[in-house]
Amino acid sequence: MTDTVLVTGGTGFVGAWCVVDLLNRGYRVRTTVRDLAAEQRVRSVVGSIVAPETVRDQLGVVAADLSADDGWASATSGVDAVLHVASPMVATREEEAVIRPAVDGVLRVLRAARDAGVRRVVYTSSCGAVYYGHPPQPDPFDETRWTDVSAGGMSA
């Protein structure tokens, strides 16, 4: 039996690549979008890389928004694992516009996963964890580089 993995935020760059990789590895994938009007865009983007029949047969799309409880129980029902990569991306210095929705969203996903008996949740952070406070560099950031909050110039 093939595992089913929920990827939150299928319309995002990281989320879409997670969907692609999982489908290519033979997993069934369910992804979330805030509005089902985005489903065709997700299928089109993923289908430009993954075989169309795989997208048709192995990819499900459900509506679930990090800012509301609706949809999360059905999103997590019957999945074996969750990759939580969705997060509000708002260019602002107002912490409550970014931090509170992100925290509330993580808690929604974790509660829904717990209640559905999901056996594994993987949570990714945003680029904000490593990106800010460093001079431009040609090499990729990794787990040894963290944002320098004392350097200034950061958004929330």
Foldseek 3Di string as FASTA:
>chain_A
DAAEEEEEPLVDPVSLVVVLVCLVVPHQYEYEDQDCVCVVVSLVVSVVRDPNVSSVPRYHYWHDALQDLPTLLVSQARGQEYEYEDADDDQAQPCCVGVVSRVSSVVSNVVSNVVNVHDYYHYDDDCQQFPADDDDDPDDDDPVGGHDVVNDPDHD
